[in-house]
């Protein structure tokens, strides 16, 4: 899928948090002040739909948008891209970086190893 801009990703995150069909006004209401203009958010909705992240259905005189990609799926794809770009595709280098920065405990690594051993 096409890479998202920071603003598109931000709008999509609000769509996921709303967890229901929504429109640009719904998303604008999620922002803290100063909120972006509804037209700015509507442009992001159109771009997200064009890129295949959203679809829409008629609602009154407007549209309600529905995500086509889950937050978890997007996160996995994004993580994969980060690993390719910044760690030369090495998942081991990623885990090593987390261990060196003390972001992963020995207990968590032990749990991961148990899960790997149980995997068919």
PDB file of N, CA and C in Angstrom:
ATOM      1  N   UNK A   1       0.837  -1.183   0.000  1.00  0.00           N
ATOM      2  CA  UNK A   1       0.000   0.000   0.000  1.00  0.00           C
ATOM      3  C   UNK A   1       0.880   1.245   0.000  1.00  0.00           C
ATOM      4  N   UNK A   2       0.287   2.306  -0.494  1.00  0.00           N
ATOM      5  CA  UNK A   2       1.007   3.562  -0.578  1.00  0.00           C
ATOM      6  C   UNK A   2       1.309   4.122   0.808  1.00  0.00           C
ATOM      7  N   UNK A   3       2.477   4.723   0.945  1.00  0.00           N
ATOM      8  CA  UNK A   3       2.897   5.318   2.211  1.00  0.00           C
ATOM      9  C   UNK A   3       2.025   6.539   2.519  1.00  0.00           C
ATOM     10  N   UNK A   4       1.721   6.752   3.791  1.00  0.00           N
ATOM     11  CA  UNK A   4       0.886   7.872   4.205  1.00  0.00           C
ATOM     12  C   UNK A   4       1.738   9.042   4.673  1.00  0.00           C
ATOM     13  N   UNK A   5       1.187  10.240   4.491  1.00  0.00           N
ATOM     14  CA  UNK A   5       1.810  11.419   5.061  1.00  0.00           C
ATOM     15  C   UNK A   5       1.515  11.424   6.560  1.00  0.00           C
ATOM     16  N   UNK A   6       2.206  12.268   7.290  1.00  0.00           N
ATOM     17  CA  UNK A   6       1.973  12.379   8.729  1.00  0.00           C
ATOM     18  C   UNK A   6       0.529  12.780   9.012  1.00  0.00           C
ATOM     19  N   UNK A   7      -0.014  13.726   8.263  1.00  0.00           N
ATOM     20  CA  UNK A   7      -1.397  14.183   8.462  1.00  0.00           C
ATOM     21  C   UNK A   7      -2.398  13.082   8.131  1.00  0.00           C
ATOM     22  N   UNK A   8      -2.163  12.351   7.059  1.00  0.00           N
ATOM     23  CA  UNK A   8      -3.059  11.240   6.703  1.00  0.00           C
ATOM     24  C   UNK A   8      -3.055  10.182   7.800  1.00  0.00           C
ATOM     25  N   UNK A   9      -1.883   9.878   8.308  1.00  0.00           N
ATOM     26  CA  UNK A   9      -1.766   8.890   9.375  1.00  0.00           C
ATOM     27  C   UNK A   9      -2.495   9.372  10.634  1.00  0.00           C
ATOM     28  N   UNK A  10      -2.379  10.644  10.928  1.00  0.00           N
ATOM     29  CA  UNK A  10      -3.055  11.234  12.083  1.00  0.00           C
ATOM     30  C   UNK A  10      -4.577  11.119  11.942  1.00  0.00           C
ATOM     31  N   UNK A  11      -5.099  11.450  10.767  1.00  0.00           N
ATOM     32  CA  UNK A  11      -6.540  11.349  10.510  1.00  0.00           C
ATOM     33  C   UNK A  11      -6.991   9.899  10.615  1.00  0.00           C
ATOM     34  N   UNK A  12      -6.241   8.980  10.021  1.00  0.00           N
ATOM     35  CA  UNK A  12      -6.600   7.570  10.067  1.00  0.00           C
ATOM     36  C   UNK A  12      -6.598   7.048  11.506  1.00  0.00           C
ATOM     37  N   UNK A  13      -5.679   7.517  12.313  1.00  0.00           N
ATOM     38  CA  UNK A  13      -5.637   7.122  13.722  1.00  0.00           C
ATOM     39  C   UNK A  13      -6.914   7.545  14.441  1.00  0.00           C
ATOM     40  N   UNK A  14      -7.409   8.739  14.154  1.00  0.00           N
ATOM     41  CA  UNK A  14      -8.672   9.189  14.752  1.00  0.00           C
ATOM     42  C   UNK A  14      -9.851   8.349  14.258  1.00  0.00           C
ATOM     43  N   UNK A  15      -9.824   7.974  12.988  1.00  0.00           N
ATOM     44  CA  UNK A  15     -10.895   7.117  12.444  1.00  0.00           C
ATOM     45  C   UNK A  15     -10.910   5.789  13.204  1.00  0.00           C
ATOM     46  N   UNK A  16      -9.738   5.203  13.434  1.00  0.00           N
ATOM     47  CA  UNK A  16      -9.666   3.954  14.186  1.00  0.00           C
ATOM     48  C   UNK A  16     -10.164   4.141  15.615  1.00  0.00           C
ATOM     49  N   UNK A  17      -9.779   5.250  16.241  1.00  0.00           N
ATOM     50  CA  UNK A  17     -10.202   5.490  17.626  1.00  0.00           C
ATOM     51  C   UNK A  17     -11.712   5.674  17.727  1.00  0.00           C
ATOM     52  N   UNK A  18     -12.323   6.295  16.732  1.00  0.00           N
ATOM     53  CA  UNK A  18     -13.774   6.473  16.751  1.00  0.00           C
ATOM     54  C   UNK A  18     -14.492   5.133  16.646  1.00  0.00           C
ATOM     55  N   UNK A  19     -13.873   4.197  15.932  1.00  0.00           N
ATOM     56  CA  UNK A  19     -14.371   2.820  15.835  1.00  0.00           C
ATOM     57  C   UNK A  19     -15.820   2.735  15.333  1.00  0.00           C
ATOM     58  N   UNK A  20     -16.139   3.586  14.375  1.00  0.00           N
ATOM     59  CA  UNK A  20     -17.470   3.585  13.753  1.00  0.00           C
ATOM     60  C   UNK A  20     -17.366   4.361  12.448  1.00  0.00           C
ATOM     61  N   UNK A  21     -18.315   4.171  11.534  1.00  0.00           N
ATOM     62  CA  UNK A  21     -18.304   5.002  10.328  1.00  0.00           C
ATOM     63  C   UNK A  21     -18.368   6.478  10.733  1.00  0.00           C
ATOM     64  N   UNK A  22     -17.544   7.289  10.113  1.00  0.00           N
ATOM     65  CA  UNK A  22     -17.463   8.695  10.513  1.00  0.00           C
ATOM     66  C   UNK A  22     -17.130   9.578   9.317  1.00  0.00           C
ATOM     67  N   UNK A  23     -17.224  10.858   9.544  1.00  0.00           N
ATOM     68  CA  UNK A  23     -16.899  11.839   8.520  1.00  0.00           C
ATOM     69  C   UNK A  23     -15.854  12.816   9.022  1.00  0.00           C
ATOM     70  N   UNK A  24     -15.451  13.736   8.162  1.00  0.00           N
ATOM     71  CA  UNK A  24     -14.432  14.711   8.552  1.00  0.00           C
ATOM     72  C   UNK A  24     -14.790  15.511   9.805  1.00  0.00           C
ATOM     73  N   UNK A  25     -16.057  15.888   9.962  1.00  0.00           N
ATOM     74  CA  UNK A  25     -16.453  16.659  11.156  1.00  0.00           C
ATOM     75  C   UNK A  25     -16.248  15.848  12.440  1.00  0.00           C
ATOM     76  N   UNK A  26     -16.514  14.549  12.369  1.00  0.00           N
ATOM     77  CA  UNK A  26     -16.289  13.682  13.536  1.00  0.00           C
ATOM     78  C   UNK A  26     -14.813  13.685  13.929  1.00  0.00           C
ATOM     79  N   UNK A  27     -13.949  13.617  12.931  1.00  0.00           N
ATOM     80  CA  UNK A  27     -12.515  13.586  13.195  1.00  0.00           C
ATOM     81  C   UNK A  27     -12.027  14.943  13.686  1.00  0.00           C
ATOM     82  N   UNK A  28     -12.514  16.026  13.109  1.00  0.00           N
ATOM     83  CA  UNK A  28     -12.123  17.364  13.566  1.00  0.00           C
ATOM     84  C   UNK A  28     -12.421  17.512  15.060  1.00  0.00           C
ATOM     85  N   UNK A  29     -13.551  16.975  15.505  1.00  0.00           N
ATOM     86  CA  UNK A  29     -13.935  17.060  16.918  1.00  0.00           C
ATOM     87  C   UNK A  29     -12.957  16.321  17.832  1.00  0.00           C
ATOM     88  N   UNK A  30     -12.175  15.397  17.296  1.00  0.00           N
ATOM     89  CA  UNK A  30     -11.203  14.643  18.085  1.00  0.00           C
ATOM     90  C   UNK A  30      -9.927  15.433  18.364  1.00  0.00           C
ATOM     91  N   UNK A  31      -9.651  16.421  17.558  1.00  0.00           N
ATOM     92  CA  UNK A  31      -8.426  17.203  17.695  1.00  0.00           C
ATOM     93  C   UNK A  31      -8.515  18.159  18.877  1.00  0.00           C
ATOM     94  N   UNK A  32      -7.382  18.420  19.518  1.00  0.00           N
ATOM     95  CA  UNK A  32      -7.353  19.491  20.520  1.00  0.00           C
ATOM     96  C   UNK A  32      -7.351  20.843  19.799  1.00  0.00           C
ATOM     97  N   UNK A  33      -7.651  21.881  20.522  1.00  0.00           N
ATOM     98  CA  UNK A  33      -7.589  23.229  19.943  1.00  0.00           C
ATOM     99  C   UNK A  33      -6.137  23.595  19.696  1.00  0.00           C
ATOM    100  N   UNK A  34      -5.813  24.334  18.672  1.00  0.00           N
ATOM    101  CA  UNK A  34      -6.688  24.763  17.583  1.00  0.00           C
ATOM    102  C   UNK A  34      -6.911  23.615  16.597  1.00  0.00           C
ATOM    103  N   UNK A  35      -8.150  23.357  16.291  1.00  0.00           N
ATOM    104  CA  UNK A  35      -8.512  22.255  15.402  1.00  0.00           C
ATOM    105  C   UNK A  35      -8.276  22.641  13.946  1.00  0.00           C
ATOM    106  N   UNK A  36      -7.944  21.646  13.120  1.00  0.00           N
ATOM    107  CA  UNK A  36      -7.799  21.937  11.689  1.00  0.00           C
ATOM    108  C   UNK A  36      -9.177  22.229  11.083  1.00  0.00           C
ATOM    109  N   UNK A  37      -9.189  22.883   9.957  1.00  0.00           N
ATOM    110  CA  UNK A  37     -10.441  23.166   9.249  1.00  0.00           C
ATOM    111  C   UNK A  37     -10.994  21.868   8.684  1.00  0.00           C
ATOM    112  N   UNK A  38     -12.298  21.764   8.659  1.00  0.00           N
ATOM    113  CA  UNK A  38     -12.951  20.547   8.179  1.00  0.00           C
ATOM    114  C   UNK A  38     -12.552  20.229   6.735  1.00  0.00           C
ATOM    115  N   UNK A  39     -12.324  21.242   5.916  1.00  0.00           N
ATOM    116  CA  UNK A  39     -11.910  20.998   4.523  1.00  0.00           C
ATOM    117  C   UNK A  39     -10.532  20.336   4.452  1.00  0.00           C
ATOM    118  N   UNK A  40      -9.662  20.701   5.362  1.00  0.00           N
ATOM    119  CA  UNK A  40      -8.325  20.092   5.408  1.00  0.00           C
ATOM    120  C   UNK A  40      -8.443  18.605   5.723  1.00  0.00           C
ATOM    121  N   UNK A  41      -9.280  18.277   6.709  1.00  0.00           N
ATOM    122  CA  UNK A  41      -9.482  16.875   7.086  1.00  0.00           C
ATOM    123  C   UNK A  41     -10.189  16.133   5.960  1.00  0.00           C
ATOM    124  N   UNK A  42     -11.156  16.774   5.312  1.00  0.00           N
ATOM    125  CA  UNK A  42     -11.875  16.146   4.193  1.00  0.00           C
ATOM    126  C   UNK A  42     -10.908  15.786   3.065  1.00  0.00           C
ATOM    127  N   UNK A  43      -9.935  16.634   2.819  1.00  0.00           N
ATOM    128  CA  UNK A  43      -8.924  16.345   1.801  1.00  0.00           C
ATOM    129  C   UNK A  43      -8.128  15.094   2.180  1.00  0.00           C
ATOM    130  N   UNK A  44      -7.807  14.952   3.457  1.00  0.00           N
ATOM    131  CA  UNK A  44      -7.103  13.746   3.916  1.00  0.00           C
ATOM    132  C   UNK A  44      -7.975  12.507   3.735  1.00  0.00           C
ATOM    133  N   UNK A  45      -9.278  12.631   4.009  1.00  0.00           N
ATOM    134  CA  UNK A  45     -10.195  11.504   3.802  1.00  0.00           C
ATOM    135  C   UNK A  45     -10.172  11.068   2.337  1.00  0.00           C
ATOM    136  N   UNK A  46     -10.235  12.024   1.436  1.00  0.00           N
ATOM    137  CA  UNK A  46     -10.231  11.704   0.007  1.00  0.00           C
ATOM    138  C   UNK A  46      -8.927  11.015  -0.389  1.00  0.00           C
ATOM    139  N   UNK A  47      -7.826  11.519   0.132  1.00  0.00           N
ATOM    140  CA  UNK A  47      -6.521  10.927  -0.165  1.00  0.00           C
ATOM    141  C   UNK A  47      -6.422   9.512   0.402  1.00  0.00           C
ATOM    142  N   UNK A  48      -6.912   9.318   1.633  1.00  0.00           N
ATOM    143  CA  UNK A  48      -6.891   7.991   2.250  1.00  0.00           C
ATOM    144  C   UNK A  48      -7.752   7.003   1.469  1.00  0.00           C
ATOM    145  N   UNK A  49      -8.861   7.490   0.932  1.00  0.00           N
ATOM    146  CA  UNK A  49      -9.710   6.613   0.123  1.00  0.00           C
ATOM    147  C   UNK A  49      -9.014   6.258  -1.189  1.00  0.00           C
ATOM    148  N   UNK A  50      -8.400   7.249  -1.812  1.00  0.00           N
ATOM    149  CA  UNK A  50      -7.695   7.014  -3.067  1.00  0.00           C
ATOM    150  C   UNK A  50      -6.545   6.018  -2.889  1.00  0.00           C
ATOM    151  N   UNK A  51      -5.894   6.072  -1.728  1.00  0.00           N
ATOM    152  CA  UNK A  51      -4.767   5.175  -1.439  1.00  0.00           C
ATOM    153  C   UNK A  51      -5.224   3.803  -0.952  1.00  0.00           C
ATOM    154  N   UNK A  52      -6.531   3.607  -0.756  1.00  0.00           N
ATOM    155  CA  UNK A  52      -7.051   2.296  -0.384  1.00  0.00           C
ATOM    156  C   UNK A  52      -7.167   2.036   1.105  1.00  0.00           C
ATOM    157  N   UNK A  53      -7.080   3.069   1.923  1.00  0.00           N
ATOM    158  CA  UNK A  53      -7.178   2.895   3.369  1.00  0.00           C
ATOM    159  C   UNK A  53      -8.607   3.075   3.887  1.00  0.00           C
ATOM    160  N   UNK A  54      -9.429   3.813   3.156  1.00  0.00           N
ATOM    161  CA  UNK A  54     -10.813   4.059   3.544  1.00  0.00           C
ATOM    162  C   UNK A  54     -11.745   3.767   2.382  1.00  0.00           C
ATOM    163  N   UNK A  55     -12.999   3.499   2.710  1.00  0.00           N
ATOM    164  CA  UNK A  55     -14.073   3.463   1.731  1.00  0.00           C
ATOM    165  C   UNK A  55     -15.198   4.295   2.319  1.00  0.00           C
ATOM    166  N   UNK A  56     -16.238   4.552   1.514  1.00  0.00           N
ATOM    167  CA  UNK A  56     -17.328   5.360   2.060  1.00  0.00           C
ATOM    168  C   UNK A  56     -18.681   4.771   1.679  1.00  0.00           C
ATOM    169  N   UNK A  57     -19.679   5.192   2.442  1.00  0.00           N
ATOM    170  CA  UNK A  57     -21.072   4.861   2.139  1.00  0.00           C
ATOM    171  C   UNK A  57     -21.875   6.148   2.300  1.00  0.00           C
ATOM    172  N   UNK A  58     -22.978   6.238   1.587  1.00  0.00           N
ATOM    173  CA  UNK A  58     -23.813   7.436   1.673  1.00  0.00           C
ATOM    174  C   UNK A  58     -24.438   7.545   3.056  1.00  0.00           C
ATOM    175  N   UNK A  59     -24.441   8.775   3.567  1.00  0.00           N
ATOM    176  CA  UNK A  59     -25.098   9.080   4.835  1.00  0.00           C
ATOM    177  C   UNK A  59     -25.756  10.456   4.686  1.00  0.00           C
ATOM    178  N   UNK A  60     -27.081  10.456   4.519  1.00  0.00           N
ATOM    179  CA  UNK A  60     -27.769  11.731   4.296  1.00  0.00           C
ATOM    180  C   UNK A  60     -27.250  12.393   3.039  1.00  0.00           C
ATOM    181  N   UNK A  61     -26.832  13.653   3.188  1.00  0.00           N
ATOM    182  CA  UNK A  61     -26.280  14.384   2.045  1.00  0.00           C
ATOM    183  C   UNK A  61     -24.770  14.227   1.925  1.00  0.00           C
ATOM    184  N   UNK A  62     -24.182  13.464   2.854  1.00  0.00           N
ATOM    185  CA  UNK A  62     -22.730  13.284   2.835  1.00  0.00           C
ATOM    186  C   UNK A  62     -22.337  11.829   2.808  1.00  0.00           C
ATOM    187  N   UNK A  63     -21.147  11.573   3.322  1.00  0.00           N
ATOM    188  CA  UNK A  63     -20.608  10.222   3.345  1.00  0.00           C
ATOM    189  C   UNK A  63     -20.119   9.857   4.736  1.00  0.00           C
ATOM    190  N   UNK A  64     -20.185   8.585   5.033  1.00  0.00           N
ATOM    191  CA  UNK A  64     -19.555   8.031   6.226  1.00  0.00           C
ATOM    192  C   UNK A  64     -18.413   7.155   5.739  1.00  0.00           C
ATOM    193  N   UNK A  65     -17.262   7.331   6.330  1.00  0.00           N
ATOM    194  CA  UNK A  65     -16.066   6.603   5.896  1.00  0.00           C
ATOM    195  C   UNK A  65     -15.766   5.457   6.852  1.00  0.00           C
ATOM    196  N   UNK A  66     -15.271   4.369   6.265  1.00  0.00           N
ATOM    197  CA  UNK A  66     -14.981   3.142   7.002  1.00  0.00           C
ATOM    198  C   UNK A  66     -13.565   2.707   6.642  1.00  0.00           C
ATOM    199  N   UNK A  67     -12.760   2.356   7.648  1.00  0.00           N
ATOM    200  CA  UNK A  67     -11.404   1.901   7.328  1.00  0.00           C
ATOM    201  C   UNK A  67     -11.411   0.536   6.633  1.00  0.00           C
ATOM    202  N   UNK A  68     -10.558   0.398   5.651  1.00  0.00           N
ATOM    203  CA  UNK A  68     -10.361  -0.877   4.963  1.00  0.00           C
ATOM    204  C   UNK A  68      -9.154  -1.625   5.520  1.00  0.00           C
ATOM    205  N   UNK A  69      -8.354  -0.921   6.310  1.00  0.00           N
ATOM    206  CA  UNK A  69      -7.140  -1.482   6.897  1.00  0.00           C
ATOM    207  C   UNK A  69      -7.246  -1.301   8.408  1.00  0.00           C
ATOM    208  N   UNK A  70      -7.001  -2.357   9.160  1.00  0.00           N
ATOM    209  CA  UNK A  70      -7.046  -2.243  10.617  1.00  0.00           C
ATOM    210  C   UNK A  70      -5.784  -1.561  11.137  1.00  0.00           C
ATOM    211  N   UNK A  71      -5.893  -1.038  12.327  1.00  0.00           N
ATOM    212  CA  UNK A  71      -4.743  -0.401  12.967  1.00  0.00           C
ATOM    213  C   UNK A  71      -3.604  -1.414  13.130  1.00  0.00           C
ATOM    214  N   UNK A  72      -3.923  -2.633  13.537  1.00  0.00           N
ATOM    215  CA  UNK A  72      -2.898  -3.666  13.734  1.00  0.00           C
ATOM    216  C   UNK A  72      -2.195  -4.008  12.417  1.00  0.00           C
ATOM    217  N   UNK A  73      -2.960  -4.155  11.337  1.00  0.00           N
ATOM    218  CA  UNK A  73      -2.354  -4.461  10.032  1.00  0.00           C
ATOM    219  C   UNK A  73      -1.451  -3.320   9.570  1.00  0.00           C
ATOM    220  N   UNK A  74      -1.931  -2.100   9.743  1.00  0.00           N
ATOM    221  CA  UNK A  74      -1.124  -0.943   9.350  1.00  0.00           C
ATOM    222  C   UNK A  74       0.162  -0.906  10.181  1.00  0.00           C
ATOM    223  N   UNK A  75       0.042  -1.164  11.474  1.00  0.00           N
ATOM    224  CA  UNK A  75       1.222  -1.167  12.339  1.00  0.00           C
ATOM    225  C   UNK A  75       2.252  -2.198  11.913  1.00  0.00           C
ATOM    226  N   UNK A  76       1.777  -3.398  11.565  1.00  0.00           N
ATOM    227  CA  UNK A  76       2.707  -4.448  11.106  1.00  0.00           C
ATOM    228  C   UNK A  76       3.408  -4.035   9.815  1.00  0.00           C
ATOM    229  N   UNK A  77       2.640  -3.474   8.875  1.00  0.00           N
ATOM    230  CA  UNK A  77       3.259  -3.049   7.602  1.00  0.00           C
ATOM    231  C   UNK A  77       4.267  -1.928   7.824  1.00  0.00           C
ATOM    232  N   UNK A  78       3.897  -0.983   8.681  1.00  0.00           N
ATOM    233  CA  UNK A  78       4.775   0.146   8.953  1.00  0.00           C
ATOM    234  C   UNK A  78       6.046  -0.329   9.648  1.00  0.00           C
ATOM    235  N   UNK A  79       5.888  -1.232  10.607  1.00  0.00           N
ATOM    236  CA  UNK A  79       7.049  -1.775  11.301  1.00  0.00           C
ATOM    237  C   UNK A  79       7.965  -2.496  10.312  1.00  0.00           C
ATOM    238  N   UNK A  80       7.378  -3.264   9.427  1.00  0.00           N
ATOM    239  CA  UNK A  80       8.172  -3.954   8.412  1.00  0.00           C
ATOM    240  C   UNK A  80       8.966  -2.983   7.550  1.00  0.00           C
ATOM    241  N   UNK A  81       8.329  -1.882   7.177  1.00  0.00           N
ATOM    242  CA  UNK A  81       9.015  -0.858   6.366  1.00  0.00           C
ATOM    243  C   UNK A  81      10.159  -0.220   7.158  1.00  0.00           C
ATOM    244  N   UNK A  82       9.932   0.070   8.442  1.00  0.00           N
ATOM    245  CA  UNK A  82      10.978   0.661   9.289  1.00  0.00           C
ATOM    246  C   UNK A  82      12.152  -0.303   9.405  1.00  0.00           C
ATOM    247  N   UNK A  83      11.856  -1.575   9.597  1.00  0.00           N
ATOM    248  CA  UNK A  83      12.923  -2.570   9.719  1.00  0.00           C
ATOM    249  C   UNK A  83      13.733  -2.657   8.427  1.00  0.00           C
ATOM    250  N   UNK A  84      13.047  -2.613   7.286  1.00  0.00           N
ATOM    251  CA  UNK A  84      13.754  -2.636   6.000  1.00  0.00           C
ATOM    252  C   UNK A  84      14.633  -1.393   5.824  1.00  0.00           C
ATOM    253  N   UNK A  85      14.072  -0.223   6.134  1.00  0.00           N
ATOM    254  CA  UNK A  85      14.778   1.041   5.875  1.00  0.00           C
ATOM    255  C   UNK A  85      15.899   1.332   6.860  1.00  0.00           C
ATOM    256  N   UNK A  86      15.694   1.012   8.145  1.00  0.00           N
ATOM    257  CA  UNK A  86      16.646   1.441   9.161  1.00  0.00           C
ATOM    258  C   UNK A  86      17.472   0.318   9.779  1.00  0.00           C
ATOM    259  N   UNK A  87      17.077  -0.926   9.552  1.00  0.00           N
ATOM    260  CA  UNK A  87      17.801  -2.055  10.127  1.00  0.00           C
ATOM    261  C   UNK A  87      18.200  -3.075   9.064  1.00  0.00           C
ATOM    262  N   UNK A  88      18.226  -2.638   7.810  1.00  0.00           N
ATOM    263  CA  UNK A  88      18.633  -3.488   6.684  1.00  0.00           C
ATOM    264  C   UNK A  88      17.873  -4.812   6.656  1.00  0.00           C
ATOM    265  N   UNK A  89      16.614  -4.774   7.113  1.00  0.00           N
ATOM    266  CA  UNK A  89      15.770  -5.963   7.068  1.00  0.00           C
ATOM    267  C   UNK A  89      16.054  -6.985   8.157  1.00  0.00           C
ATOM    268  N   UNK A  90      16.918  -6.645   9.108  1.00  0.00           N
ATOM    269  CA  UNK A  90      17.310  -7.598  10.144  1.00  0.00           C
ATOM    270  C   UNK A  90      16.446  -7.431  11.398  1.00  0.00           C
ATOM    271  N   UNK A  91      15.567  -8.410  11.611  1.00  0.00           N
ATOM    272  CA  UNK A  91      14.748  -8.404  12.822  1.00  0.00           C
ATOM    273  C   UNK A  91      15.621  -8.618  14.051  1.00  0.00           C
ATOM    274  N   UNK A  92      16.695  -9.353  13.892  1.00  0.00           N
ATOM    275  CA  UNK A  92      17.626  -9.588  14.994  1.00  0.00           C
ATOM    276  C   UNK A  92      18.253  -8.272  15.451  1.00  0.00           C
ATOM    277  N   UNK A  93      18.595  -7.405  14.499  1.00  0.00           N
ATOM    278  CA  UNK A  93      19.157  -6.102  14.856  1.00  0.00           C
ATOM    279  C   UNK A  93      18.136  -5.258  15.621  1.00  0.00           C
ATOM    280  N   UNK A  94      16.877  -5.400  15.272  1.00  0.00           N
ATOM    281  CA  UNK A  94      15.827  -4.664  15.974  1.00  0.00           C
ATOM    282  C   UNK A  94      15.737  -5.149  17.421  1.00  0.00           C
ATOM    283  N   UNK A  95      15.664  -6.455  17.604  1.00  0.00           N
ATOM    284  CA  UNK A  95      15.578  -7.020  18.954  1.00  0.00           C
ATOM    285  C   UNK A  95      16.828  -6.638  19.747  1.00  0.00           C
ATOM    286  N   UNK A  96      17.994  -6.711  19.117  1.00  0.00           N
ATOM    287  CA  UNK A  96      19.243  -6.339  19.795  1.00  0.00           C
ATOM    288  C   UNK A  96      19.218  -4.882  20.233  1.00  0.00           C
ATOM    289  N   UNK A  97      18.673  -4.008  19.394  1.00  0.00           N
ATOM    290  CA  UNK A  97      18.581  -2.584  19.745  1.00  0.00           C
ATOM    291  C   UNK A  97      17.683  -2.398  20.960  1.00  0.00           C
ATOM    292  N   UNK A  98      16.572  -3.125  21.004  1.00  0.00           N
ATOM    293  CA  UNK A  98      15.673  -3.025  22.156  1.00  0.00           C
ATOM    294  C   UNK A  98      16.345  -3.551  23.430  1.00  0.00           C
ATOM    295  N   UNK A  99      17.091  -4.620  23.292  1.00  0.00           N
ATOM    296  CA  UNK A  99      17.786  -5.187  24.450  1.00  0.00           C
ATOM    297  C   UNK A  99      18.851  -4.209  24.944  1.00  0.00           C
ATOM    298  N   UNK A 100      19.645  -3.662  24.024  1.00  0.00           N
ATOM    299  CA  UNK A 100      20.708  -2.729  24.405  1.00  0.00           C
ATOM    300  C   UNK A 100      20.151  -1.477  25.066  1.00  0.00           C
ATOM    301  N   UNK A 101      18.996  -1.016  24.594  1.00  0.00           N
ATOM    302  CA  UNK A 101      18.376   0.187  25.173  1.00  0.00           C
ATOM    303  C   UNK A 101      17.526  -0.128  26.397  1.00  0.00           C
ATOM    304  N   UNK A 102      17.536  -1.403  26.793  1.00  0.00           N
ATOM    305  CA  UNK A 102      16.784  -1.883  27.963  1.00  0.00           C
ATOM    306  C   UNK A 102      15.284  -1.624  27.829  1.00  0.00           C
ATOM    307  N   UNK A 103      14.779  -1.745  26.600  1.00  0.00           N
ATOM    308  CA  UNK A 103      13.342  -1.628  26.346  1.00  0.00           C
ATOM    309  C   UNK A 103      12.644  -2.978  26.406  1.00  0.00           C
ATOM    310  N   UNK A 104      13.445  -4.048  26.458  1.00  0.00           N
ATOM    311  CA  UNK A 104      12.908  -5.408  26.534  1.00  0.00           C
ATOM    312  C   UNK A 104      13.615  -6.102  27.696  1.00  0.00           C
ATOM    313  N   UNK A 105      12.827  -6.699  28.567  1.00  0.00           N
ATOM    314  CA  UNK A 105      13.406  -7.390  29.725  1.00  0.00           C
ATOM    315  C   UNK A 105      13.751  -8.837  29.371  1.00  0.00           C
ATOM    316  N   UNK A 106      14.549  -9.443  30.240  1.00  0.00           N
ATOM    317  CA  UNK A 106      14.888 -10.854  30.073  1.00  0.00           C
ATOM    318  C   UNK A 106      13.619 -11.701  30.107  1.00  0.00           C
ATOM    319  N   UNK A 107      12.688 -11.357  30.976  1.00  0.00           N
ATOM    320  CA  UNK A 107      11.433 -12.100  31.081  1.00  0.00           C
ATOM    321  C   UNK A 107      10.641 -12.023  29.775  1.00  0.00           C
ATOM    322  N   UNK A 108      10.631 -10.849  29.166  1.00  0.00           N
ATOM    323  CA  UNK A 108       9.923 -10.699  27.888  1.00  0.00           C
ATOM    324  C   UNK A 108      10.594 -11.512  26.789  1.00  0.00           C
ATOM    325  N   UNK A 109      11.922 -11.526  26.785  1.00  0.00           N
ATOM    326  CA  UNK A 109      12.632 -12.339  25.794  1.00  0.00           C
ATOM    327  C   UNK A 109      12.382 -13.827  26.030  1.00  0.00           C
ATOM    328  N   UNK A 110      12.348 -14.243  27.284  1.00  0.00           N
ATOM    329  CA  UNK A 110      12.043 -15.646  27.599  1.00  0.00           C
ATOM    330  C   UNK A 110      10.647 -16.005  27.101  1.00  0.00           C
ATOM    331  N   UNK A 111       9.689 -15.107  27.301  1.00  0.00           N
ATOM    332  CA  UNK A 111       8.321 -15.335  26.831  1.00  0.00           C
ATOM    333  C   UNK A 111       8.296 -15.458  25.303  1.00  0.00           C
ATOM    334  N   UNK A 112       9.037 -14.595  24.629  1.00  0.00           N
ATOM    335  CA  UNK A 112       9.113 -14.646  23.169  1.00  0.00           C
ATOM    336  C   UNK A 112       9.709 -15.985  22.712  1.00  0.00           C
ATOM    337  N   UNK A 113      10.751 -16.427  23.373  1.00  0.00           N
ATOM    338  CA  UNK A 113      11.350 -17.720  23.017  1.00  0.00           C
ATOM    339  C   UNK A 113      10.360 -18.868  23.226  1.00  0.00           C
ATOM    340  N   UNK A 114       9.603 -18.839  24.330  1.00  0.00           N
ATOM    341  CA  UNK A 114       8.580 -19.877  24.559  1.00  0.00           C
ATOM    342  C   UNK A 114       7.547 -19.866  23.427  1.00  0.00           C
ATOM    343  N   UNK A 115       7.114 -18.674  23.032  1.00  0.00           N
ATOM    344  CA  UNK A 115       6.133 -18.573  21.960  1.00  0.00           C
ATOM    345  C   UNK A 115       6.697 -19.112  20.642  1.00  0.00           C
ATOM    346  N   UNK A 116       7.959 -18.822  20.376  1.00  0.00           N
ATOM    347  CA  UNK A 116       8.601 -19.331  19.155  1.00  0.00           C
ATOM    348  C   UNK A 116       8.713 -20.846  19.174  1.00  0.00           C
ATOM    349  N   UNK A 117       9.019 -21.410  20.319  1.00  0.00           N
ATOM    350  CA  UNK A 117       9.157 -22.861  20.441  1.00  0.00           C
ATOM    351  C   UNK A 117       7.811 -23.557  20.296  1.00  0.00           C
ATOM    352  N   UNK A 118       6.727 -22.901  20.715  1.00  0.00           N
ATOM    353  CA  UNK A 118       5.385 -23.485  20.623  1.00  0.00           C
ATOM    354  C   UNK A 118       4.773 -23.356  19.236  1.00  0.00           C
ATOM    355  N   UNK A 119       5.334 -22.459  18.447  1.00  0.00           N
ATOM    356  CA  UNK A 119       4.803 -22.203  17.102  1.00  0.00           C
ATOM    357  C   UNK A 119       5.042 -23.431  16.219  1.00  0.00           C
ATOM    358  N   UNK A 120       4.005 -23.870  15.496  1.00  0.00           N
ATOM    359  CA  UNK A 120       4.162 -25.060  14.631  1.00  0.00           C
ATOM    360  C   UNK A 120       5.098 -24.825  13.471  1.00  0.00           C
TER     361      UNK A 120
END
